[in-house]
Amino acid sequence: MLSSLLALEATTEAQPGGGNWLVLILIYGAFIFLLYFFMFRPQKKQQKALRELLSQLEIGDVVLTSSGFYGTIIDIADDTVIVEFGNNKNCRIPMQKTAIVDCEKQGQVEPD
């Protein structure tokens, strides 16, 4: 019985690739770490910046919508805004705040 245990122990020590599981786990861990820092983290930062932008909207701000139109905010509700487009003062469209992708505060001057 003792000789069979020694033979079993000798065969398990002689098998190649016994540490491959540890290397595989480390590779998967590094992949998940890189995936988080190159994909998910920047997206969360962008979402946080957009939430901050939408919370600071004021009447009179010039906004860019997701469809590419520039307009001026004339009224703000909880989750909707009324935006006036162009020189025609009759073109007022209610839209969701989430349709706004950029904002330029009134009185803010662009640097040359």
PDB file of N, CA and C in Angstrom:
ATOM      1  N   MET A   1       0.821  -1.186   0.000  1.00  0.00           N
ATOM      2  CA  MET A   1       0.000   0.000   0.000  1.00  0.00           C
ATOM      3  C   MET A   1       0.866   1.252   0.000  1.00  0.00           C
ATOM      4  N   LEU A   2       1.919   1.228   0.765  1.00  0.00           N
ATOM      5  CA  LEU A   2       2.816   2.373   0.832  1.00  0.00           C
ATOM      6  C   LEU A   2       3.524   2.574  -0.498  1.00  0.00           C
ATOM      7  N   SER A   3       3.869   1.499  -1.162  1.00  0.00           N
ATOM      8  CA  SER A   3       4.547   1.634  -2.449  1.00  0.00           C
ATOM      9  C   SER A   3       3.606   2.213  -3.522  1.00  0.00           C
ATOM     10  N   SER A   4       2.322   1.885  -3.452  1.00  0.00           N
ATOM     11  CA  SER A   4       1.388   2.439  -4.431  1.00  0.00           C
ATOM     12  C   SER A   4       1.165   3.935  -4.190  1.00  0.00           C
ATOM     13  N   LEU A   5       1.180   4.366  -2.927  1.00  0.00           N
ATOM     14  CA  LEU A   5       1.053   5.804  -2.627  1.00  0.00           C
ATOM     15  C   LEU A   5       2.282   6.573  -3.102  1.00  0.00           C
ATOM     16  N   LEU A   6       3.463   5.986  -2.921  1.00  0.00           N
ATOM     17  CA  LEU A   6       4.690   6.632  -3.380  1.00  0.00           C
ATOM     18  C   LEU A   6       4.714   6.715  -4.905  1.00  0.00           C
ATOM     19  N   ALA A   7       4.225   5.682  -5.572  1.00  0.00           N
ATOM     20  CA  ALA A   7       4.179   5.684  -7.029  1.00  0.00           C
ATOM     21  C   ALA A   7       3.181   6.740  -7.538  1.00  0.00           C
ATOM     22  N   LEU A   8       2.048   6.882  -6.841  1.00  0.00           N
ATOM     23  CA  LEU A   8       1.061   7.884  -7.214  1.00  0.00           C
ATOM     24  C   LEU A   8       1.623   9.290  -7.005  1.00  0.00           C
ATOM     25  N   GLU A   9       2.334   9.516  -5.914  1.00  0.00           N
ATOM     26  CA  GLU A   9       2.929  10.820  -5.635  1.00  0.00           C
ATOM     27  C   GLU A   9       4.012  11.143  -6.672  1.00  0.00           C
ATOM     28  N   ALA A  10       4.770  10.171  -7.082  1.00  0.00           N
ATOM     29  CA  ALA A  10       5.821  10.387  -8.067  1.00  0.00           C
ATOM     30  C   ALA A  10       5.218  10.721  -9.435  1.00  0.00           C
ATOM     31  N   THR A  11       4.104  10.113  -9.786  1.00  0.00           N
ATOM     32  CA  THR A  11       3.503  10.401 -11.091  1.00  0.00           C
ATOM     33  C   THR A  11       2.853  11.784 -11.114  1.00  0.00           C
ATOM     34  N   THR A  12       2.304  12.238  -9.986  1.00  0.00           N
ATOM     35  CA  THR A  12       1.695  13.573  -9.971  1.00  0.00           C
ATOM     36  C   THR A  12       2.762  14.659 -10.009  1.00  0.00           C
ATOM     37  N   GLU A  13       3.927  14.403  -9.444  1.00  0.00           N
ATOM     38  CA  GLU A  13       5.004  15.391  -9.486  1.00  0.00           C
ATOM     39  C   GLU A  13       5.646  15.454 -10.873  1.00  0.00           C
ATOM     40  N   ALA A  14       5.621  14.375 -11.587  1.00  0.00           N
ATOM     41  CA  ALA A  14       6.302  14.317 -12.869  1.00  0.00           C
ATOM     42  C   ALA A  14       5.429  14.839 -14.021  1.00  0.00           C
ATOM     43  N   GLN A  15       4.137  15.109 -13.759  1.00  0.00           N
ATOM     44  CA  GLN A  15       3.265  15.568 -14.830  1.00  0.00           C
ATOM     45  C   GLN A  15       3.603  17.008 -15.202  1.00  0.00           C
ATOM     46  N   PRO A  16       3.793  17.266 -16.475  1.00  0.00           N
ATOM     47  CA  PRO A  16       4.056  18.642 -16.889  1.00  0.00           C
ATOM     48  C   PRO A  16       2.759  19.458 -16.915  1.00  0.00           C
ATOM     49  N   GLY A  17       2.871  20.739 -16.700  1.00  0.00           N
ATOM     50  CA  GLY A  17       1.708  21.619 -16.786  1.00  0.00           C
ATOM     51  C   GLY A  17       0.900  21.690 -15.526  1.00  0.00           C
ATOM     52  N   GLY A  18       1.452  21.339 -14.414  1.00  0.00           N
ATOM     53  CA  GLY A  18       0.719  21.398 -13.159  1.00  0.00           C
ATOM     54  C   GLY A  18       0.423  22.823 -12.732  1.00  0.00           C
ATOM     55  N   GLY A  19       1.263  23.800 -13.110  1.00  0.00           N
ATOM     56  CA  GLY A  19       1.053  25.188 -12.732  1.00  0.00           C
ATOM     57  C   GLY A  19       0.335  26.004 -13.782  1.00  0.00           C
ATOM     58  N   ASN A  20      -0.166  25.362 -14.824  1.00  0.00           N
ATOM     59  CA  ASN A  20      -0.845  26.091 -15.894  1.00  0.00           C
ATOM     60  C   ASN A  20      -2.148  26.737 -15.448  1.00  0.00           C
ATOM     61  N   TRP A  21      -2.802  26.168 -14.450  1.00  0.00           N
ATOM     62  CA  TRP A  21      -4.050  26.751 -13.966  1.00  0.00           C
ATOM     63  C   TRP A  21      -3.813  28.126 -13.361  1.00  0.00           C
ATOM     64  N   LEU A  22      -2.741  28.257 -12.632  1.00  0.00           N
ATOM     65  CA  LEU A  22      -2.424  29.540 -12.014  1.00  0.00           C
ATOM     66  C   LEU A  22      -2.121  30.595 -13.079  1.00  0.00           C
ATOM     67  N   VAL A  23      -1.382  30.231 -14.100  1.00  0.00           N
ATOM     68  CA  VAL A  23      -1.065  31.158 -15.185  1.00  0.00           C
ATOM     69  C   VAL A  23      -2.334  31.547 -15.936  1.00  0.00           C
ATOM     70  N   LEU A  24      -3.212  30.598 -16.178  1.00  0.00           N
ATOM     71  CA  LEU A  24      -4.465  30.863 -16.869  1.00  0.00           C
ATOM     72  C   LEU A  24      -5.341  31.828 -16.067  1.00  0.00           C
ATOM     73  N   ILE A  25      -5.422  31.635 -14.774  1.00  0.00           N
ATOM     74  CA  ILE A  25      -6.205  32.529 -13.913  1.00  0.00           C
ATOM     75  C   ILE A  25      -5.602  33.933 -13.918  1.00  0.00           C
ATOM     76  N   LEU A  26      -4.292  34.034 -13.883  1.00  0.00           N
ATOM     77  CA  LEU A  26      -3.643  35.345 -13.914  1.00  0.00           C
ATOM     78  C   LEU A  26      -3.887  36.056 -15.248  1.00  0.00           C
ATOM     79  N   ILE A  27      -3.862  35.325 -16.340  1.00  0.00           N
ATOM     80  CA  ILE A  27      -4.117  35.921 -17.656  1.00  0.00           C
ATOM     81  C   ILE A  27      -5.560  36.426 -17.747  1.00  0.00           C
ATOM     82  N   TYR A  28      -6.507  35.632 -17.293  1.00  0.00           N
ATOM     83  CA  TYR A  28      -7.909  36.071 -17.298  1.00  0.00           C
ATOM     84  C   TYR A  28      -8.106  37.282 -16.391  1.00  0.00           C
ATOM     85  N   GLY A  29      -7.466  37.290 -15.245  1.00  0.00           N
ATOM     86  CA  GLY A  29      -7.556  38.429 -14.333  1.00  0.00           C
ATOM     87  C   GLY A  29      -6.989  39.696 -14.956  1.00  0.00           C
ATOM     88  N   ALA A  30      -5.863  39.587 -15.629  1.00  0.00           N
ATOM     89  CA  ALA A  30      -5.265  40.744 -16.296  1.00  0.00           C
ATOM     90  C   ALA A  30      -6.157  41.227 -17.434  1.00  0.00           C
ATOM     91  N   PHE A  31      -6.780  40.316 -18.163  1.00  0.00           N
ATOM     92  CA  PHE A  31      -7.685  40.691 -19.246  1.00  0.00           C
ATOM     93  C   PHE A  31      -8.896  41.456 -18.715  1.00  0.00           C
ATOM     94  N   ILE A  32      -9.483  40.990 -17.634  1.00  0.00           N
ATOM     95  CA  ILE A  32     -10.635  41.672 -17.039  1.00  0.00           C
ATOM     96  C   ILE A  32     -10.226  43.042 -16.513  1.00  0.00           C
ATOM     97  N   PHE A  33      -9.068  43.135 -15.918  1.00  0.00           N
ATOM     98  CA  PHE A  33      -8.550  44.407 -15.413  1.00  0.00           C
ATOM     99  C   PHE A  33      -8.378  45.408 -16.560  1.00  0.00           C
ATOM    100  N   LEU A  34      -7.769  44.992 -17.656  1.00  0.00           N
ATOM    101  CA  LEU A  34      -7.578  45.872 -18.807  1.00  0.00           C
ATOM    102  C   LEU A  34      -8.911  46.244 -19.454  1.00  0.00           C
ATOM    103  N   LEU A  35      -9.821  45.308 -19.529  1.00  0.00           N
ATOM    104  CA  LEU A  35     -11.142  45.571 -20.087  1.00  0.00           C
ATOM    105  C   LEU A  35     -11.856  46.647 -19.283  1.00  0.00           C
ATOM    106  N   TYR A  36     -11.758  46.591 -17.981  1.00  0.00           N
ATOM    107  CA  TYR A  36     -12.399  47.590 -17.118  1.00  0.00           C
ATOM    108  C   TYR A  36     -11.793  48.966 -17.359  1.00  0.00           C
ATOM    109  N   PHE A  37     -10.474  49.073 -17.381  1.00  0.00           N
ATOM    110  CA  PHE A  37      -9.827  50.372 -17.469  1.00  0.00           C
ATOM    111  C   PHE A  37      -9.854  50.977 -18.865  1.00  0.00           C
ATOM    112  N   PHE A  38     -10.013  50.169 -19.905  1.00  0.00           N
ATOM    113  CA  PHE A  38     -10.032  50.728 -21.247  1.00  0.00           C
ATOM    114  C   PHE A  38     -11.425  50.856 -21.845  1.00  0.00           C
ATOM    115  N   MET A  39     -12.432  50.208 -21.248  1.00  0.00           N
ATOM    116  CA  MET A  39     -13.769  50.282 -21.823  1.00  0.00           C
ATOM    117  C   MET A  39     -14.795  50.839 -20.851  1.00  0.00           C
ATOM    118  N   PHE A  40     -14.930  50.246 -19.691  1.00  0.00           N
ATOM    119  CA  PHE A  40     -16.016  50.607 -18.795  1.00  0.00           C
ATOM    120  C   PHE A  40     -15.754  51.900 -18.032  1.00  0.00           C
ATOM    121  N   ARG A  41     -14.550  52.100 -17.571  1.00  0.00           N
ATOM    122  CA  ARG A  41     -14.240  53.285 -16.777  1.00  0.00           C
ATOM    123  C   ARG A  41     -14.389  54.579 -17.576  1.00  0.00           C
ATOM    124  N   PRO A  42     -13.870  54.700 -18.800  1.00  0.00           N
ATOM    125  CA  PRO A  42     -14.083  55.935 -19.567  1.00  0.00           C
ATOM    126  C   PRO A  42     -15.566  56.193 -19.883  1.00  0.00           C
ATOM    127  N   GLN A  43     -16.322  55.134 -20.119  1.00  0.00           N
ATOM    128  CA  GLN A  43     -17.738  55.294 -20.406  1.00  0.00           C
ATOM    129  C   GLN A  43     -18.474  55.835 -19.179  1.00  0.00           C
ATOM    130  N   LYS A  44     -18.124  55.361 -17.990  1.00  0.00           N
ATOM    131  CA  LYS A  44     -18.751  55.868 -16.772  1.00  0.00           C
ATOM    132  C   LYS A  44     -18.382  57.327 -16.533  1.00  0.00           C
ATOM    133  N   LYS A  45     -17.147  57.718 -16.842  1.00  0.00           N
ATOM    134  CA  LYS A  45     -16.752  59.118 -16.704  1.00  0.00           C
ATOM    135  C   LYS A  45     -17.549  59.996 -17.654  1.00  0.00           C
ATOM    136  N   GLN A  46     -17.749  59.537 -18.874  1.00  0.00           N
ATOM    137  CA  GLN A  46     -18.500  60.296 -19.865  1.00  0.00           C
ATOM    138  C   GLN A  46     -19.964  60.443 -19.426  1.00  0.00           C
ATOM    139  N   GLN A  47     -20.563  59.393 -18.904  1.00  0.00           N
ATOM    140  CA  GLN A  47     -21.933  59.454 -18.432  1.00  0.00           C
ATOM    141  C   GLN A  47     -22.065  60.414 -17.249  1.00  0.00           C
ATOM    142  N   LYS A  48     -21.092  60.411 -16.366  1.00  0.00           N
ATOM    143  CA  LYS A  48     -21.112  61.317 -15.219  1.00  0.00           C
ATOM    144  C   LYS A  48     -21.002  62.771 -15.685  1.00  0.00           C
ATOM    145  N   ALA A  49     -20.145  63.044 -16.656  1.00  0.00           N
ATOM    146  CA  ALA A  49     -20.004  64.405 -17.180  1.00  0.00           C
ATOM    147  C   ALA A  49     -21.294  64.864 -17.855  1.00  0.00           C
ATOM    148  N   LEU A  50     -21.977  63.976 -18.578  1.00  0.00           N
ATOM    149  CA  LEU A  50     -23.232  64.330 -19.231  1.00  0.00           C
ATOM    150  C   LEU A  50     -24.327  64.607 -18.203  1.00  0.00           C
ATOM    151  N   ARG A  51     -24.405  63.798 -17.137  1.00  0.00           N
ATOM    152  CA  ARG A  51     -25.387  64.045 -16.073  1.00  0.00           C
ATOM    153  C   ARG A  51     -25.149  65.405 -15.427  1.00  0.00           C
ATOM    154  N   GLU A  52     -23.874  65.737 -15.201  1.00  0.00           N
ATOM    155  CA  GLU A  52     -23.537  67.032 -14.609  1.00  0.00           C
ATOM    156  C   GLU A  52     -23.932  68.168 -15.544  1.00  0.00           C
ATOM    157  N   LEU A  53     -23.678  68.008 -16.840  1.00  0.00           N
ATOM    158  CA  LEU A  53     -24.044  69.023 -17.830  1.00  0.00           C
ATOM    159  C   LEU A  53     -25.552  69.250 -17.839  1.00  0.00           C
ATOM    160  N   LEU A  54     -26.328  68.173 -17.822  1.00  0.00           N
ATOM    161  CA  LEU A  54     -27.782  68.286 -17.866  1.00  0.00           C
ATOM    162  C   LEU A  54     -28.347  68.895 -16.587  1.00  0.00           C
ATOM    163  N   SER A  55     -27.692  68.680 -15.468  1.00  0.00           N
ATOM    164  CA  SER A  55     -28.182  69.258 -14.218  1.00  0.00           C
ATOM    165  C   SER A  55     -27.899  70.756 -14.128  1.00  0.00           C
ATOM    166  N   GLN A  56     -26.970  71.265 -14.919  1.00  0.00           N
ATOM    167  CA  GLN A  56     -26.606  72.676 -14.864  1.00  0.00           C
ATOM    168  C   GLN A  56     -27.231  73.498 -15.991  1.00  0.00           C
ATOM    169  N   LEU A  57     -28.200  72.936 -16.701  1.00  0.00           N
ATOM    170  CA  LEU A  57     -28.847  73.674 -17.783  1.00  0.00           C
ATOM    171  C   LEU A  57     -29.658  74.838 -17.228  1.00  0.00           C
ATOM    172  N   GLU A  58     -29.634  75.955 -17.949  1.00  0.00           N
ATOM    173  CA  GLU A  58     -30.400  77.134 -17.563  1.00  0.00           C
ATOM    174  C   GLU A  58     -31.101  77.693 -18.788  1.00  0.00           C
ATOM    175  N   ILE A  59     -32.124  78.498 -18.545  1.00  0.00           N
ATOM    176  CA  ILE A  59     -32.835  79.158 -19.643  1.00  0.00           C
ATOM    177  C   ILE A  59     -31.880  80.140 -20.312  1.00  0.00           C
ATOM    178  N   GLY A  60     -31.854  80.112 -21.641  1.00  0.00           N
ATOM    179  CA  GLY A  60     -30.988  80.981 -22.412  1.00  0.00           C
ATOM    180  C   GLY A  60     -29.711  80.307 -22.882  1.00  0.00           C
ATOM    181  N   ASP A  61     -29.424  79.106 -22.411  1.00  0.00           N
ATOM    182  CA  ASP A  61     -28.230  78.383 -22.850  1.00  0.00           C
ATOM    183  C   ASP A  61     -28.416  77.899 -24.290  1.00  0.00           C
ATOM    184  N   VAL A  62     -27.346  77.941 -25.058  1.00  0.00           N
ATOM    185  CA  VAL A  62     -27.364  77.406 -26.418  1.00  0.00           C
ATOM    186  C   VAL A  62     -26.910  75.948 -26.329  1.00  0.00           C
ATOM    187  N   VAL A  63     -27.736  75.048 -26.883  1.00  0.00           N
ATOM    188  CA  VAL A  63     -27.459  73.615 -26.771  1.00  0.00           C
ATOM    189  C   VAL A  63     -27.344  72.985 -28.153  1.00  0.00           C
ATOM    190  N   LEU A  64     -26.631  71.873 -28.193  1.00  0.00           N
ATOM    191  CA  LEU A  64     -26.528  71.041 -29.382  1.00  0.00           C
ATOM    192  C   LEU A  64     -27.293  69.761 -29.089  1.00  0.00           C
ATOM    193  N   THR A  65     -28.233  69.408 -29.958  1.00  0.00           N
ATOM    194  CA  THR A  65     -29.017  68.196 -29.749  1.00  0.00           C
ATOM    195  C   THR A  65     -28.327  67.003 -30.400  1.00  0.00           C
ATOM    196  N   SER A  66     -28.800  65.835 -30.084  1.00  0.00           N
ATOM    197  CA  SER A  66     -28.211  64.622 -30.649  1.00  0.00           C
ATOM    198  C   SER A  66     -28.465  64.519 -32.150  1.00  0.00           C
ATOM    199  N   SER A  67     -29.445  65.252 -32.660  1.00  0.00           N
ATOM    200  CA  SER A  67     -29.704  65.239 -34.104  1.00  0.00           C
ATOM    201  C   SER A  67     -28.874  66.273 -34.850  1.00  0.00           C
ATOM    202  N   GLY A  68     -28.096  67.090 -34.112  1.00  0.00           N
ATOM    203  CA  GLY A  68     -27.188  68.026 -34.748  1.00  0.00           C
ATOM    204  C   GLY A  68     -27.708  69.448 -34.871  1.00  0.00           C
ATOM    205  N   PHE A  69     -28.829  69.749 -34.243  1.00  0.00           N
ATOM    206  CA  PHE A  69     -29.388  71.098 -34.311  1.00  0.00           C
ATOM    207  C   PHE A  69     -28.936  71.928 -33.110  1.00  0.00           C
ATOM    208  N   TYR A  70     -28.637  73.196 -33.369  1.00  0.00           N
ATOM    209  CA  TYR A  70     -28.340  74.142 -32.305  1.00  0.00           C
ATOM    210  C   TYR A  70     -29.608  74.916 -31.977  1.00  0.00           C
ATOM    211  N   GLY A  71     -29.863  75.128 -30.696  1.00  0.00           N
ATOM    212  CA  GLY A  71     -31.038  75.877 -30.292  1.00  0.00           C
ATOM    213  C   GLY A  71     -30.827  76.517 -28.938  1.00  0.00           C
ATOM    214  N   THR A  72     -31.778  77.343 -28.544  1.00  0.00           N
ATOM    215  CA  THR A  72     -31.720  78.052 -27.277  1.00  0.00           C
ATOM    216  C   THR A  72     -32.824  77.527 -26.359  1.00  0.00           C
ATOM    217  N   ILE A  73     -32.481  77.254 -25.128  1.00  0.00           N
ATOM    218  CA  ILE A  73     -33.462  76.761 -24.164  1.00  0.00           C
ATOM    219  C   ILE A  73     -34.348  77.925 -23.731  1.00  0.00           C
ATOM    220  N   ILE A  74     -35.671  77.705 -23.807  1.00  0.00           N
ATOM    221  CA  ILE A  74     -36.576  78.755 -23.361  1.00  0.00           C
ATOM    222  C   ILE A  74     -37.415  78.316 -22.161  1.00  0.00           C
ATOM    223  N   ASP A  75     -37.453  77.015 -21.855  1.00  0.00           N
ATOM    224  CA  ASP A  75     -38.174  76.529 -20.683  1.00  0.00           C
ATOM    225  C   ASP A  75     -37.598  75.175 -20.277  1.00  0.00           C
ATOM    226  N   ILE A  76     -37.575  74.916 -18.969  1.00  0.00           N
ATOM    227  CA  ILE A  76     -37.034  73.659 -18.447  1.00  0.00           C
ATOM    228  C   ILE A  76     -38.044  73.051 -17.497  1.00  0.00           C
ATOM    229  N   ALA A  77     -38.354  71.771 -17.692  1.00  0.00           N
ATOM    230  CA  ALA A  77     -39.184  71.002 -16.772  1.00  0.00           C
ATOM    231  C   ALA A  77     -38.311  69.909 -16.158  1.00  0.00           C
ATOM    232  N   ASP A  78     -38.929  68.928 -15.525  1.00  0.00           N
ATOM    233  CA  ASP A  78     -38.168  67.875 -14.850  1.00  0.00           C
ATOM    234  C   ASP A  78     -37.234  67.139 -15.798  1.00  0.00           C
ATOM    235  N   ASP A  79     -37.806  66.508 -16.807  1.00  0.00           N
ATOM    236  CA  ASP A  79     -36.979  65.747 -17.744  1.00  0.00           C
ATOM    237  C   ASP A  79     -37.136  66.214 -19.184  1.00  0.00           C
ATOM    238  N   THR A  80     -37.815  67.335 -19.387  1.00  0.00           N
ATOM    239  CA  THR A  80     -37.972  67.875 -20.734  1.00  0.00           C
ATOM    240  C   THR A  80     -37.540  69.335 -20.765  1.00  0.00           C
ATOM    241  N   VAL A  81     -37.183  69.785 -21.953  1.00  0.00           N
ATOM    242  CA  VAL A  81     -36.839  71.188 -22.178  1.00  0.00           C
ATOM    243  C   VAL A  81     -37.550  71.633 -23.457  1.00  0.00           C
ATOM    244  N   ILE A  82     -37.827  72.923 -23.551  1.00  0.00           N
ATOM    245  CA  ILE A  82     -38.362  73.475 -24.786  1.00  0.00           C
ATOM    246  C   ILE A  82     -37.244  74.280 -25.410  1.00  0.00           C
ATOM    247  N   VAL A  83     -36.907  73.908 -26.647  1.00  0.00           N
ATOM    248  CA  VAL A  83     -35.777  74.508 -27.342  1.00  0.00           C
ATOM    249  C   VAL A  83     -36.308  75.280 -28.538  1.00  0.00           C
ATOM    250  N   GLU A  84     -35.781  76.487 -28.719  1.00  0.00           N
ATOM    251  CA  GLU A  84     -36.147  77.340 -29.848  1.00  0.00           C
ATOM    252  C   GLU A  84     -35.029  77.261 -30.876  1.00  0.00           C
ATOM    253  N   PHE A  85     -35.392  76.945 -32.116  1.00  0.00           N
ATOM    254  CA  PHE A  85     -34.400  76.743 -33.161  1.00  0.00           C
ATOM    255  C   PHE A  85     -34.420  77.885 -34.160  1.00  0.00           C
ATOM    256  N   GLY A  86     -33.245  78.323 -34.598  1.00  0.00           N
ATOM    257  CA  GLY A  86     -33.112  79.301 -35.670  1.00  0.00           C
ATOM    258  C   GLY A  86     -33.595  80.686 -35.307  1.00  0.00           C
ATOM    259  N   ASN A  87     -33.711  81.536 -36.322  1.00  0.00           N
ATOM    260  CA  ASN A  87     -34.167  82.900 -36.134  1.00  0.00           C
ATOM    261  C   ASN A  87     -35.672  83.003 -36.044  1.00  0.00           C
ATOM    262  N   ASN A  88     -36.361  81.970 -36.485  1.00  0.00           N
ATOM    263  CA  ASN A  88     -37.811  81.954 -36.444  1.00  0.00           C
ATOM    264  C   ASN A  88     -38.257  81.695 -35.006  1.00  0.00           C
ATOM    265  N   LYS A  89     -38.882  82.647 -34.385  1.00  0.00           N
ATOM    266  CA  LYS A  89     -39.267  82.514 -32.975  1.00  0.00           C
ATOM    267  C   LYS A  89     -40.448  81.572 -32.775  1.00  0.00           C
ATOM    268  N   ASN A  90     -41.048  81.097 -33.867  1.00  0.00           N
ATOM    269  CA  ASN A  90     -42.183  80.186 -33.756  1.00  0.00           C
ATOM    270  C   ASN A  90     -41.763  78.723 -33.773  1.00  0.00           C
ATOM    271  N   CYS A  91     -40.497  78.466 -33.926  1.00  0.00           N
ATOM    272  CA  CYS A  91     -40.018  77.077 -33.996  1.00  0.00           C
ATOM    273  C   CYS A  91     -39.535  76.641 -32.617  1.00  0.00           C
ATOM    274  N   ARG A  92     -40.472  76.229 -31.797  1.00  0.00           N
ATOM    275  CA  ARG A  92     -40.177  75.786 -30.426  1.00  0.00           C
ATOM    276  C   ARG A  92     -40.571  74.325 -30.305  1.00  0.00           C
ATOM    277  N   ILE A  93     -39.611  73.520 -29.899  1.00  0.00           N
ATOM    278  CA  ILE A  93     -39.840  72.076 -29.859  1.00  0.00           C
ATOM    279  C   ILE A  93     -39.528  71.547 -28.465  1.00  0.00           C
ATOM    280  N   PRO A  94     -40.488  70.848 -27.831  1.00  0.00           N
ATOM    281  CA  PRO A  94     -40.182  70.188 -26.556  1.00  0.00           C
ATOM    282  C   PRO A  94     -39.400  68.903 -26.830  1.00  0.00           C
ATOM    283  N   MET A  95     -38.402  68.654 -26.016  1.00  0.00           N
ATOM    284  CA  MET A  95     -37.602  67.436 -26.171  1.00  0.00           C
ATOM    285  C   MET A  95     -37.080  66.984 -24.806  1.00  0.00           C
ATOM    286  N   GLN A  96     -36.639  65.755 -24.752  1.00  0.00           N
ATOM    287  CA  GLN A  96     -36.077  65.217 -23.522  1.00  0.00           C
ATOM    288  C   GLN A  96     -34.706  65.823 -23.271  1.00  0.00           C
ATOM    289  N   LYS A  97     -34.351  65.944 -21.998  1.00  0.00           N
ATOM    290  CA  LYS A  97     -33.026  66.464 -21.661  1.00  0.00           C
ATOM    291  C   LYS A  97     -31.915  65.567 -22.182  1.00  0.00           C
ATOM    292  N   THR A  98     -32.195  64.283 -22.284  1.00  0.00           N
ATOM    293  CA  THR A  98     -31.161  63.343 -22.725  1.00  0.00           C
ATOM    294  C   THR A  98     -30.801  63.520 -24.186  1.00  0.00           C
ATOM    295  N   ALA A  99     -31.597  64.294 -24.945  1.00  0.00           N
ATOM    296  CA  ALA A  99     -31.280  64.549 -26.345  1.00  0.00           C
ATOM    297  C   ALA A  99     -30.229  65.644 -26.489  1.00  0.00           C
ATOM    298  N   ILE A 100     -29.857  66.283 -25.388  1.00  0.00           N
ATOM    299  CA  ILE A 100     -28.850  67.343 -25.422  1.00  0.00           C
ATOM    300  C   ILE A 100     -27.479  66.716 -25.208  1.00  0.00           C
ATOM    301  N   VAL A 101     -26.543  67.023 -26.114  1.00  0.00           N
ATOM    302  CA  VAL A 101     -25.213  66.434 -26.013  1.00  0.00           C
ATOM    303  C   VAL A 101     -24.138  67.456 -25.660  1.00  0.00           C
ATOM    304  N   ASP A 102     -24.421  68.757 -25.863  1.00  0.00           N
ATOM    305  CA  ASP A 102     -23.442  69.787 -25.527  1.00  0.00           C
ATOM    306  C   ASP A 102     -24.179  71.073 -25.193  1.00  0.00           C
ATOM    307  N   CYS A 103     -23.542  71.906 -24.378  1.00  0.00           N
ATOM    308  CA  CYS A 103     -24.187  73.126 -23.938  1.00  0.00           C
ATOM    309  C   CYS A 103     -23.151  74.256 -23.889  1.00  0.00           C
ATOM    310  N   GLU A 104     -23.584  75.428 -24.334  1.00  0.00           N
ATOM    311  CA  GLU A 104     -22.745  76.625 -24.233  1.00  0.00           C
ATOM    312  C   GLU A 104     -23.533  77.636 -23.411  1.00  0.00           C
ATOM    313  N   LYS A 105     -23.011  77.986 -22.260  1.00  0.00           N
ATOM    314  CA  LYS A 105     -23.691  78.907 -21.359  1.00  0.00           C
ATOM    315  C   LYS A 105     -23.847  80.268 -22.007  1.00  0.00           C
ATOM    316  N   GLN A 106     -24.928  80.948 -21.693  1.00  0.00           N
ATOM    317  CA  GLN A 106     -25.134  82.282 -22.260  1.00  0.00           C
ATOM    318  C   GLN A 106     -24.077  83.216 -21.711  1.00  0.00           C
ATOM    319  N   GLY A 107     -23.544  84.056 -22.572  1.00  0.00           N
ATOM    320  CA  GLY A 107     -22.512  85.002 -22.179  1.00  0.00           C
ATOM    321  C   GLY A 107     -21.107  84.403 -22.187  1.00  0.00           C
ATOM    322  N   GLN A 108     -21.003  83.112 -22.424  1.00  0.00           N
ATOM    323  CA  GLN A 108     -19.698  82.461 -22.479  1.00  0.00           C
ATOM    324  C   GLN A 108     -19.065  82.711 -23.839  1.00  0.00           C
ATOM    325  N   VAL A 109     -17.833  83.190 -23.845  1.00  0.00           N
ATOM    326  CA  VAL A 109     -17.149  83.505 -25.093  1.00  0.00           C
ATOM    327  C   VAL A 109     -16.155  82.403 -25.405  1.00  0.00           C
ATOM    328  N   GLU A 110     -16.198  81.922 -26.656  1.00  0.00           N
ATOM    329  CA  GLU A 110     -15.249  80.892 -27.106  1.00  0.00           C
ATOM    330  C   GLU A 110     -13.858  81.509 -27.245  1.00  0.00           C
ATOM    331  N   PRO A 111     -12.788  80.818 -26.800  1.00  0.00           N
ATOM    332  CA  PRO A 111     -11.431  81.346 -26.996  1.00  0.00           C
ATOM    333  C   PRO A 111     -11.043  81.286 -28.470  1.00  0.00           C
ATOM    334  N   ASP A 112     -10.279  82.294 -28.930  1.00  0.00           N
ATOM    335  CA  ASP A 112      -9.864  82.345 -30.340  1.00  0.00           C
ATOM    336  C   ASP A 112      -8.771  81.371 -30.655  1.00  0.00           C
TER     337      ASP A 112
END
